[in-house]
Amino acid sequence: MTKTLPAIWESGVLRPLEALDLAEHERVAVTVSTDSEPASGWLDHEYMAAIDALDESEPEPTLAQVRAALAKIPGKLSDDIRQDRESRG
């Protein structure tokens, strides 16, 4: 289970502000962010600005057009992934 939820630091204890479906003494991993929007650091703001600047009058490509464009790419993605993993050692 992965869940992002608000919590409060209180008397040396991190207390979630909503119930969690966890067993007693279950171990979990905790990521702490004081940012009100924790995902904002992960966003590619340059890409998002480029998307916002697109001409909305231009129609989006259809699924068939995307598939046709992808079919022109030589090789297999799985082979590229394997090669990349092998090169990392």
PDB file of N, CA and C in Angstrom:
ATOM      1  N   MET A   1       0.850  -1.180   0.000  1.00  0.00           N
ATOM      2  CA  MET A   1       0.000   0.000   0.000  1.00  0.00           C
ATOM      3  C   MET A   1       0.889   1.233   0.000  1.00  0.00           C
ATOM      4  N   THR A   2       0.613   2.178  -0.859  1.00  0.00           N
ATOM      5  CA  THR A   2       1.277   3.468  -0.853  1.00  0.00           C
ATOM      6  C   THR A   2       0.204   4.528  -0.706  1.00  0.00           C
ATOM      7  N   LYS A   3       0.387   5.420   0.239  1.00  0.00           N
ATOM      8  CA  LYS A   3      -0.631   6.435   0.502  1.00  0.00           C
ATOM      9  C   LYS A   3       0.046   7.695   1.009  1.00  0.00           C
ATOM     10  N   THR A   4      -0.383   8.828   0.502  1.00  0.00           N
ATOM     11  CA  THR A   4       0.092  10.109   0.997  1.00  0.00           C
ATOM     12  C   THR A   4      -1.028  10.716   1.826  1.00  0.00           C
ATOM     13  N   LEU A   5      -0.710  11.092   3.050  1.00  0.00           N
ATOM     14  CA  LEU A   5      -1.737  11.643   3.918  1.00  0.00           C
ATOM     15  C   LEU A   5      -1.128  12.675   4.845  1.00  0.00           C
ATOM     16  N   PRO A   6      -1.953  13.557   5.362  1.00  0.00           N
ATOM     17  CA  PRO A   6      -1.437  14.563   6.284  1.00  0.00           C
ATOM     18  C   PRO A   6      -1.154  13.951   7.652  1.00  0.00           C
ATOM     19  N   ALA A   7      -0.170  14.512   8.331  1.00  0.00           N
ATOM     20  CA  ALA A   7       0.174  14.069   9.679  1.00  0.00           C
ATOM     21  C   ALA A   7       0.649  15.289  10.458  1.00  0.00           C
ATOM     22  N   ILE A   8       0.751  15.124  11.749  1.00  0.00           N
ATOM     23  CA  ILE A   8       1.227  16.213  12.604  1.00  0.00           C
ATOM     24  C   ILE A   8       2.304  15.679  13.533  1.00  0.00           C
ATOM     25  N   TRP A   9       3.331  16.489  13.761  1.00  0.00           N
ATOM     26  CA  TRP A   9       4.399  16.136  14.693  1.00  0.00           C
ATOM     27  C   TRP A   9       3.962  16.672  16.047  1.00  0.00           C
ATOM     28  N   GLU A  10       3.793  15.786  17.017  1.00  0.00           N
ATOM     29  CA  GLU A  10       3.211  16.169  18.290  1.00  0.00           C
ATOM     30  C   GLU A  10       3.923  15.444  19.422  1.00  0.00           C
ATOM     31  N   SER A  11       4.565  16.176  20.294  1.00  0.00           N
ATOM     32  CA  SER A  11       5.262  15.608  21.456  1.00  0.00           C
ATOM     33  C   SER A  11       6.239  14.499  21.063  1.00  0.00           C
ATOM     34  N   GLY A  12       6.961  14.705  19.971  1.00  0.00           N
ATOM     35  CA  GLY A  12       7.958  13.746  19.540  1.00  0.00           C
ATOM     36  C   GLY A  12       7.417  12.546  18.794  1.00  0.00           C
ATOM     37  N   VAL A  13       6.146  12.597  18.413  1.00  0.00           N
ATOM     38  CA  VAL A  13       5.516  11.482  17.702  1.00  0.00           C
ATOM     39  C   VAL A  13       4.852  12.013  16.439  1.00  0.00           C
ATOM     40  N   LEU A  14       5.087  11.318  15.318  1.00  0.00           N
ATOM     41  CA  LEU A  14       4.430  11.664  14.061  1.00  0.00           C
ATOM     42  C   LEU A  14       3.073  10.963  14.045  1.00  0.00           C
ATOM     43  N   ARG A  15       1.986  11.753  14.045  1.00  0.00           N
ATOM     44  CA  ARG A  15       0.639  11.192  14.148  1.00  0.00           C
ATOM     45  C   ARG A  15      -0.145  11.468  12.871  1.00  0.00           C
ATOM     46  N   PRO A  16      -0.578  10.404  12.157  1.00  0.00           N
ATOM     47  CA  PRO A  16      -1.392  10.615  10.965  1.00  0.00           C
ATOM     48  C   PRO A  16      -2.732  11.249  11.338  1.00  0.00           C
ATOM     49  N   LEU A  17      -3.260  12.077  10.453  1.00  0.00           N
ATOM     50  CA  LEU A  17      -4.526  12.744  10.716  1.00  0.00           C
ATOM     51  C   LEU A  17      -5.713  11.978  10.146  1.00  0.00           C
ATOM     52  N   GLU A  18      -5.475  10.777   9.635  1.00  0.00           N
ATOM     53  CA  GLU A  18      -6.561   9.906   9.198  1.00  0.00           C
ATOM     54  C   GLU A  18      -6.163   8.469   9.494  1.00  0.00           C
ATOM     55  N   ALA A  19      -7.165   7.601   9.571  1.00  0.00           N
ATOM     56  CA  ALA A  19      -6.926   6.204   9.929  1.00  0.00           C
ATOM     57  C   ALA A  19      -6.153   5.482   8.835  1.00  0.00           C
ATOM     58  N   LEU A  20      -5.336   4.516   9.260  1.00  0.00           N
ATOM     59  CA  LEU A  20      -4.572   3.688   8.330  1.00  0.00           C
ATOM     60  C   LEU A  20      -4.955   2.231   8.536  1.00  0.00           C
ATOM     61  N   ASP A  21      -5.062   1.505   7.442  1.00  0.00           N
ATOM     62  CA  ASP A  21      -5.401   0.086   7.511  1.00  0.00           C
ATOM     63  C   ASP A  21      -4.113  -0.719   7.659  1.00  0.00           C
ATOM     64  N   LEU A  22      -3.552  -0.718   8.879  1.00  0.00           N
ATOM     65  CA  LEU A  22      -2.296  -1.403   9.166  1.00  0.00           C
ATOM     66  C   LEU A  22      -2.479  -2.329  10.359  1.00  0.00           C
ATOM     67  N   ALA A  23      -1.734  -3.421  10.352  1.00  0.00           N
ATOM     68  CA  ALA A  23      -1.746  -4.327  11.499  1.00  0.00           C
ATOM     69  C   ALA A  23      -0.926  -3.718  12.631  1.00  0.00           C
ATOM     70  N   GLU A  24      -1.254  -4.075  13.852  1.00  0.00           N
ATOM     71  CA  GLU A  24      -0.504  -3.606  15.009  1.00  0.00           C
ATOM     72  C   GLU A  24       0.963  -4.010  14.865  1.00  0.00           C
ATOM     73  N   HIS A  25       1.869  -3.091  15.087  1.00  0.00           N
ATOM     74  CA  HIS A  25       3.322  -3.279  15.009  1.00  0.00           C
ATOM     75  C   HIS A  25       3.816  -3.528  13.582  1.00  0.00           C
ATOM     76  N   GLU A  26       3.010  -3.255  12.577  1.00  0.00           N
ATOM     77  CA  GLU A  26       3.449  -3.413  11.187  1.00  0.00           C
ATOM     78  C   GLU A  26       4.480  -2.336  10.871  1.00  0.00           C
ATOM     79  N   ARG A  27       5.560  -2.727  10.228  1.00  0.00           N
ATOM     80  CA  ARG A  27       6.607  -1.772   9.854  1.00  0.00           C
ATOM     81  C   ARG A  27       6.229  -1.099   8.540  1.00  0.00           C
ATOM     82  N   VAL A  28       6.500   0.187   8.452  1.00  0.00           N
ATOM     83  CA  VAL A  28       6.225   0.958   7.246  1.00  0.00           C
ATOM     84  C   VAL A  28       7.410   1.878   6.971  1.00  0.00           C
ATOM     85  N   ALA A  29       7.484   2.390   5.753  1.00  0.00           N
ATOM     86  CA  ALA A  29       8.480   3.411   5.404  1.00  0.00           C
ATOM     87  C   ALA A  29       7.770   4.758   5.399  1.00  0.00           C
ATOM     88  N   VAL A  30       8.427   5.767   5.912  1.00  0.00           N
ATOM     89  CA  VAL A  30       7.814   7.091   6.022  1.00  0.00           C
ATOM     90  C   VAL A  30       8.673   8.098   5.272  1.00  0.00           C
ATOM     91  N   THR A  31       8.039   8.897   4.427  1.00  0.00           N
ATOM     92  CA  THR A  31       8.701  10.013   3.761  1.00  0.00           C
ATOM     93  C   THR A  31       8.098  11.286   4.318  1.00  0.00           C
ATOM     94  N   VAL A  32       8.926  12.194   4.785  1.00  0.00           N
ATOM     95  CA  VAL A  32       8.438  13.416   5.417  1.00  0.00           C
ATOM     96  C   VAL A  32       8.714  14.607   4.520  1.00  0.00           C
ATOM     97  N   SER A  33       7.689  15.415   4.315  1.00  0.00           N
ATOM     98  CA  SER A  33       7.827  16.654   3.546  1.00  0.00           C
ATOM     99  C   SER A  33       7.033  17.743   4.246  1.00  0.00           C
ATOM    100  N   THR A  34       7.665  18.892   4.452  1.00  0.00           N
ATOM    101  CA  THR A  34       6.934  20.002   5.053  1.00  0.00           C
ATOM    102  C   THR A  34       6.301  20.873   3.984  1.00  0.00           C
ATOM    103  N   ASP A  35       6.558  20.551   2.716  1.00  0.00           N
ATOM    104  CA  ASP A  35       5.970  21.264   1.588  1.00  0.00           C
ATOM    105  C   ASP A  35       4.483  20.927   1.519  1.00  0.00           C
ATOM    106  N   SER A  36       3.628  21.921   1.313  1.00  0.00           N
ATOM    107  CA  SER A  36       2.194  21.648   1.227  1.00  0.00           C
ATOM    108  C   SER A  36       1.852  20.845  -0.019  1.00  0.00           C
ATOM    109  N   GLU A  37       2.712  20.877  -1.035  1.00  0.00           N
ATOM    110  CA  GLU A  37       2.529  20.083  -2.240  1.00  0.00           C
ATOM    111  C   GLU A  37       3.779  19.234  -2.433  1.00  0.00           C
ATOM    112  N   PRO A  38       3.875  18.083  -1.766  1.00  0.00           N
ATOM    113  CA  PRO A  38       5.111  17.305  -1.812  1.00  0.00           C
ATOM    114  C   PRO A  38       5.507  16.851  -3.206  1.00  0.00           C
ATOM    115  N   ALA A  39       4.566  16.648  -4.100  1.00  0.00           N
ATOM    116  CA  ALA A  39       4.902  16.182  -5.447  1.00  0.00           C
ATOM    117  C   ALA A  39       5.453  17.303  -6.320  1.00  0.00           C
ATOM    118  N   SER A  40       5.343  18.551  -5.899  1.00  0.00           N
ATOM    119  CA  SER A  40       5.777  19.657  -6.747  1.00  0.00           C
ATOM    120  C   SER A  40       7.262  19.594  -7.071  1.00  0.00           C
ATOM    121  N   GLY A  41       8.070  19.032  -6.199  1.00  0.00           N
ATOM    122  CA  GLY A  41       9.493  18.891  -6.466  1.00  0.00           C
ATOM    123  C   GLY A  41       9.788  17.843  -7.525  1.00  0.00           C
ATOM    124  N   TRP A  42       8.838  16.956  -7.771  1.00  0.00           N
ATOM    125  CA  TRP A  42       9.027  15.898  -8.753  1.00  0.00           C
ATOM    126  C   TRP A  42       8.544  16.309 -10.126  1.00  0.00           C
ATOM    127  N   LEU A  43       7.782  17.382 -10.215  1.00  0.00           N
ATOM    128  CA  LEU A  43       7.229  17.798 -11.495  1.00  0.00           C
ATOM    129  C   LEU A  43       8.300  18.379 -12.400  1.00  0.00           C
ATOM    130  N   ASP A  44       8.179  18.116 -13.670  1.00  0.00           N
ATOM    131  CA  ASP A  44       9.039  18.731 -14.668  1.00  0.00           C
ATOM    132  C   ASP A  44       8.346  20.017 -15.090  1.00  0.00           C
ATOM    133  N   HIS A  45       8.671  21.108 -14.415  1.00  0.00           N
ATOM    134  CA  HIS A  45       7.978  22.376 -14.635  1.00  0.00           C
ATOM    135  C   HIS A  45       8.193  22.908 -16.054  1.00  0.00           C
ATOM    136  N   GLU A  46       9.353  22.656 -16.623  1.00  0.00           N
ATOM    137  CA  GLU A  46       9.625  23.094 -17.995  1.00  0.00           C
ATOM    138  C   GLU A  46       8.681  22.385 -18.967  1.00  0.00           C
ATOM    139  N   TYR A  47       8.502  21.085 -18.782  1.00  0.00           N
ATOM    140  CA  TYR A  47       7.592  20.316 -19.642  1.00  0.00           C
ATOM    141  C   TYR A  47       6.152  20.800 -19.457  1.00  0.00           C
ATOM    142  N   MET A  48       5.756  21.011 -18.216  1.00  0.00           N
ATOM    143  CA  MET A  48       4.388  21.462 -17.953  1.00  0.00           C
ATOM    144  C   MET A  48       4.126  22.823 -18.599  1.00  0.00           C
ATOM    145  N   ALA A  49       5.129  23.712 -18.586  1.00  0.00           N
ATOM    146  CA  ALA A  49       4.974  25.017 -19.231  1.00  0.00           C
ATOM    147  C   ALA A  49       4.846  24.853 -20.741  1.00  0.00           C
ATOM    148  N   ALA A  50       5.605  23.915 -21.314  1.00  0.00           N
ATOM    149  CA  ALA A  50       5.518  23.662 -22.758  1.00  0.00           C
ATOM    150  C   ALA A  50       4.134  23.126 -23.124  1.00  0.00           C
ATOM    151  N   ILE A  51       3.582  22.260 -22.295  1.00  0.00           N
ATOM    152  CA  ILE A  51       2.245  21.723 -22.540  1.00  0.00           C
ATOM    153  C   ILE A  51       1.211  22.849 -22.471  1.00  0.00           C
ATOM    154  N   ASP A  52       1.346  23.710 -21.483  1.00  0.00           N
ATOM    155  CA  ASP A  52       0.411  24.832 -21.340  1.00  0.00           C
ATOM    156  C   ASP A  52       0.475  25.780 -22.532  1.00  0.00           C
ATOM    157  N   ALA A  53       1.652  25.872 -23.164  1.00  0.00           N
ATOM    158  CA  ALA A  53       1.838  26.797 -24.279  1.00  0.00           C
ATOM    159  C   ALA A  53       1.387  26.223 -25.623  1.00  0.00           C
ATOM    160  N   LEU A  54       1.000  24.946 -25.654  1.00  0.00           N
ATOM    161  CA  LEU A  54       0.584  24.334 -26.920  1.00  0.00           C
ATOM    162  C   LEU A  54      -0.641  25.025 -27.495  1.00  0.00           C
ATOM    163  N   ASP A  55      -0.712  25.008 -28.790  1.00  0.00           N
ATOM    164  CA  ASP A  55      -1.864  25.568 -29.497  1.00  0.00           C
ATOM    165  C   ASP A  55      -3.030  24.598 -29.344  1.00  0.00           C
ATOM    166  N   GLU A  56      -4.044  24.989 -28.599  1.00  0.00           N
ATOM    167  CA  GLU A  56      -5.169  24.097 -28.331  1.00  0.00           C
ATOM    168  C   GLU A  56      -6.055  23.890 -29.556  1.00  0.00           C
ATOM    169  N   SER A  57      -5.872  24.695 -30.592  1.00  0.00           N
ATOM    170  CA  SER A  57      -6.678  24.505 -31.791  1.00  0.00           C
ATOM    171  C   SER A  57      -6.178  23.320 -32.615  1.00  0.00           C
ATOM    172  N   GLU A  58      -4.922  22.904 -32.358  1.00  0.00           N
ATOM    173  CA  GLU A  58      -4.368  21.759 -33.067  1.00  0.00           C
ATOM    174  C   GLU A  58      -4.911  20.480 -32.430  1.00  0.00           C
ATOM    175  N   PRO A  59      -5.489  19.585 -33.224  1.00  0.00           N
ATOM    176  CA  PRO A  59      -6.080  18.381 -32.638  1.00  0.00           C
ATOM    177  C   PRO A  59      -5.021  17.421 -32.087  1.00  0.00           C
ATOM    178  N   GLU A  60      -5.398  16.683 -31.051  1.00  0.00           N
ATOM    179  CA  GLU A  60      -4.493  15.679 -30.493  1.00  0.00           C
ATOM    180  C   GLU A  60      -4.419  14.496 -31.453  1.00  0.00           C
ATOM    181  N   PRO A  61      -3.279  13.821 -31.498  1.00  0.00           N
ATOM    182  CA  PRO A  61      -3.176  12.658 -32.396  1.00  0.00           C
ATOM    183  C   PRO A  61      -4.089  11.531 -31.906  1.00  0.00           C
ATOM    184  N   THR A  62      -4.578  10.763 -32.840  1.00  0.00           N
ATOM    185  CA  THR A  62      -5.401   9.609 -32.483  1.00  0.00           C
ATOM    186  C   THR A  62      -4.499   8.474 -32.029  1.00  0.00           C
ATOM    187  N   LEU A  63      -5.088   7.474 -31.413  1.00  0.00           N
ATOM    188  CA  LEU A  63      -4.324   6.310 -30.990  1.00  0.00           C
ATOM    189  C   LEU A  63      -3.688   5.619 -32.191  1.00  0.00           C
ATOM    190  N   ALA A  64      -4.419   5.552 -33.290  1.00  0.00           N
ATOM    191  CA  ALA A  64      -3.879   4.926 -34.504  1.00  0.00           C
ATOM    192  C   ALA A  64      -2.654   5.698 -35.014  1.00  0.00           C
ATOM    193  N   GLN A  65      -2.685   7.018 -34.951  1.00  0.00           N
ATOM    194  CA  GLN A  65      -1.553   7.829 -35.393  1.00  0.00           C
ATOM    195  C   GLN A  65      -0.341   7.615 -34.472  1.00  0.00           C
ATOM    196  N   VAL A  66      -0.584   7.522 -33.182  1.00  0.00           N
ATOM    197  CA  VAL A  66       0.513   7.289 -32.236  1.00  0.00           C
ATOM    198  C   VAL A  66       1.128   5.922 -32.492  1.00  0.00           C
ATOM    199  N   ARG A  67       0.286   4.905 -32.670  1.00  0.00           N
ATOM    200  CA  ARG A  67       0.799   3.565 -32.938  1.00  0.00           C
ATOM    201  C   ARG A  67       1.605   3.520 -34.232  1.00  0.00           C
ATOM    202  N   ALA A  68       1.125   4.225 -35.253  1.00  0.00           N
ATOM    203  CA  ALA A  68       1.836   4.249 -36.532  1.00  0.00           C
ATOM    204  C   ALA A  68       3.210   4.907 -36.368  1.00  0.00           C
ATOM    205  N   ALA A  69       3.276   5.980 -35.591  1.00  0.00           N
ATOM    206  CA  ALA A  69       4.552   6.667 -35.370  1.00  0.00           C
ATOM    207  C   ALA A  69       5.504   5.782 -34.569  1.00  0.00           C
ATOM    208  N   LEU A  70       4.987   5.108 -33.542  1.00  0.00           N
ATOM    209  CA  LEU A  70       5.830   4.242 -32.722  1.00  0.00           C
ATOM    210  C   LEU A  70       6.321   3.032 -33.504  1.00  0.00           C
ATOM    211  N   ALA A  71       5.514   2.551 -34.435  1.00  0.00           N
ATOM    212  CA  ALA A  71       5.899   1.381 -35.229  1.00  0.00           C
ATOM    213  C   ALA A  71       7.101   1.667 -36.121  1.00  0.00           C
ATOM    214  N   LYS A  72       7.371   2.930 -36.409  1.00  0.00           N
ATOM    215  CA  LYS A  72       8.497   3.301 -37.270  1.00  0.00           C
ATOM    216  C   LYS A  72       9.833   3.296 -36.527  1.00  0.00           C
ATOM    217  N   ILE A  73       9.785   3.207 -35.193  1.00  0.00           N
ATOM    218  CA  ILE A  73      11.014   3.206 -34.404  1.00  0.00           C
ATOM    219  C   ILE A  73      11.651   1.822 -34.519  1.00  0.00           C
ATOM    220  N   PRO A  74      12.914   1.750 -34.982  1.00  0.00           N
ATOM    221  CA  PRO A  74      13.549   0.441 -35.173  1.00  0.00           C
ATOM    222  C   PRO A  74      13.873  -0.233 -33.842  1.00  0.00           C
ATOM    223  N   GLY A  75      13.928  -1.562 -33.866  1.00  0.00           N
ATOM    224  CA  GLY A  75      14.317  -2.325 -32.684  1.00  0.00           C
ATOM    225  C   GLY A  75      13.168  -2.509 -31.716  1.00  0.00           C
ATOM    226  N   LYS A  76      13.516  -3.085 -30.552  1.00  0.00           N
ATOM    227  CA  LYS A  76      12.531  -3.350 -29.518  1.00  0.00           C
ATOM    228  C   LYS A  76      12.924  -2.596 -28.255  1.00  0.00           C
ATOM    229  N   LEU A  77      11.957  -2.025 -27.594  1.00  0.00           N
ATOM    230  CA  LEU A  77      12.215  -1.307 -26.353  1.00  0.00           C
ATOM    231  C   LEU A  77      12.796  -2.246 -25.304  1.00  0.00           C
ATOM    232  N   SER A  78      12.296  -3.479 -25.252  1.00  0.00           N
ATOM    233  CA  SER A  78      12.804  -4.435 -24.257  1.00  0.00           C
ATOM    234  C   SER A  78      14.294  -4.708 -24.465  1.00  0.00           C
ATOM    235  N   ASP A  79      14.741  -4.762 -25.727  1.00  0.00           N
ATOM    236  CA  ASP A  79      16.167  -4.968 -25.996  1.00  0.00           C
ATOM    237  C   ASP A  79      16.988  -3.772 -25.514  1.00  0.00           C
ATOM    238  N   ASP A  80      16.462  -2.574 -25.719  1.00  0.00           N
ATOM    239  CA  ASP A  80      17.152  -1.371 -25.261  1.00  0.00           C
ATOM    240  C   ASP A  80      17.273  -1.353 -23.736  1.00  0.00           C
ATOM    241  N   ILE A  81      16.218  -1.787 -23.051  1.00  0.00           N
ATOM    242  CA  ILE A  81      16.243  -1.819 -21.588  1.00  0.00           C
ATOM    243  C   ILE A  81      17.279  -2.824 -21.103  1.00  0.00           C
ATOM    244  N   ARG A  82      17.301  -4.015 -21.703  1.00  0.00           N
ATOM    245  CA  ARG A  82      18.288  -5.025 -21.320  1.00  0.00           C
ATOM    246  C   ARG A  82      19.714  -4.519 -21.544  1.00  0.00           C
ATOM    247  N   GLN A  83      19.943  -3.896 -22.693  1.00  0.00           N
ATOM    248  CA  GLN A  83      21.270  -3.388 -23.003  1.00  0.00           C
ATOM    249  C   GLN A  83      21.684  -2.320 -21.997  1.00  0.00           C
ATOM    250  N   ASP A  84      20.746  -1.443 -21.618  1.00  0.00           N
ATOM    251  CA  ASP A  84      21.046  -0.411 -20.649  1.00  0.00           C
ATOM    252  C   ASP A  84      21.400  -1.010 -19.293  1.00  0.00           C
ATOM    253  N   ARG A  85      20.648  -2.021 -18.876  1.00  0.00           N
ATOM    254  CA  ARG A  85      20.920  -2.685 -17.585  1.00  0.00           C
ATOM    255  C   ARG A  85      22.288  -3.366 -17.607  1.00  0.00           C
ATOM    256  N   GLU A  86      22.615  -4.023 -18.708  1.00  0.00           N
ATOM    257  CA  GLU A  86      23.892  -4.714 -18.818  1.00  0.00           C
ATOM    258  C   GLU A  86      25.052  -3.735 -18.796  1.00  0.00           C
ATOM    259  N   SER A  87      24.860  -2.550 -19.397  1.00  0.00           N
ATOM    260  CA  SER A  87      25.944  -1.567 -19.435  1.00  0.00           C
ATOM    261  C   SER A  87      26.201  -0.960 -18.069  1.00  0.00           C
ATOM    262  N   ARG A  88      25.222  -1.033 -17.176  1.00  0.00           N
ATOM    263  CA  ARG A  88      25.397  -0.505 -15.814  1.00  0.00           C
ATOM    264  C   ARG A  88      26.179  -1.465 -14.929  1.00  0.00           C
ATOM    265  N   GLY A  89      26.293  -2.713 -15.388  1.00  0.00           N
ATOM    266  CA  GLY A  89      27.119  -3.669 -14.685  1.00  0.00           C
ATOM    267  C   GLY A  89      26.394  -4.482 -13.745  1.00  0.00           C
TER     268      GLY A  89
END
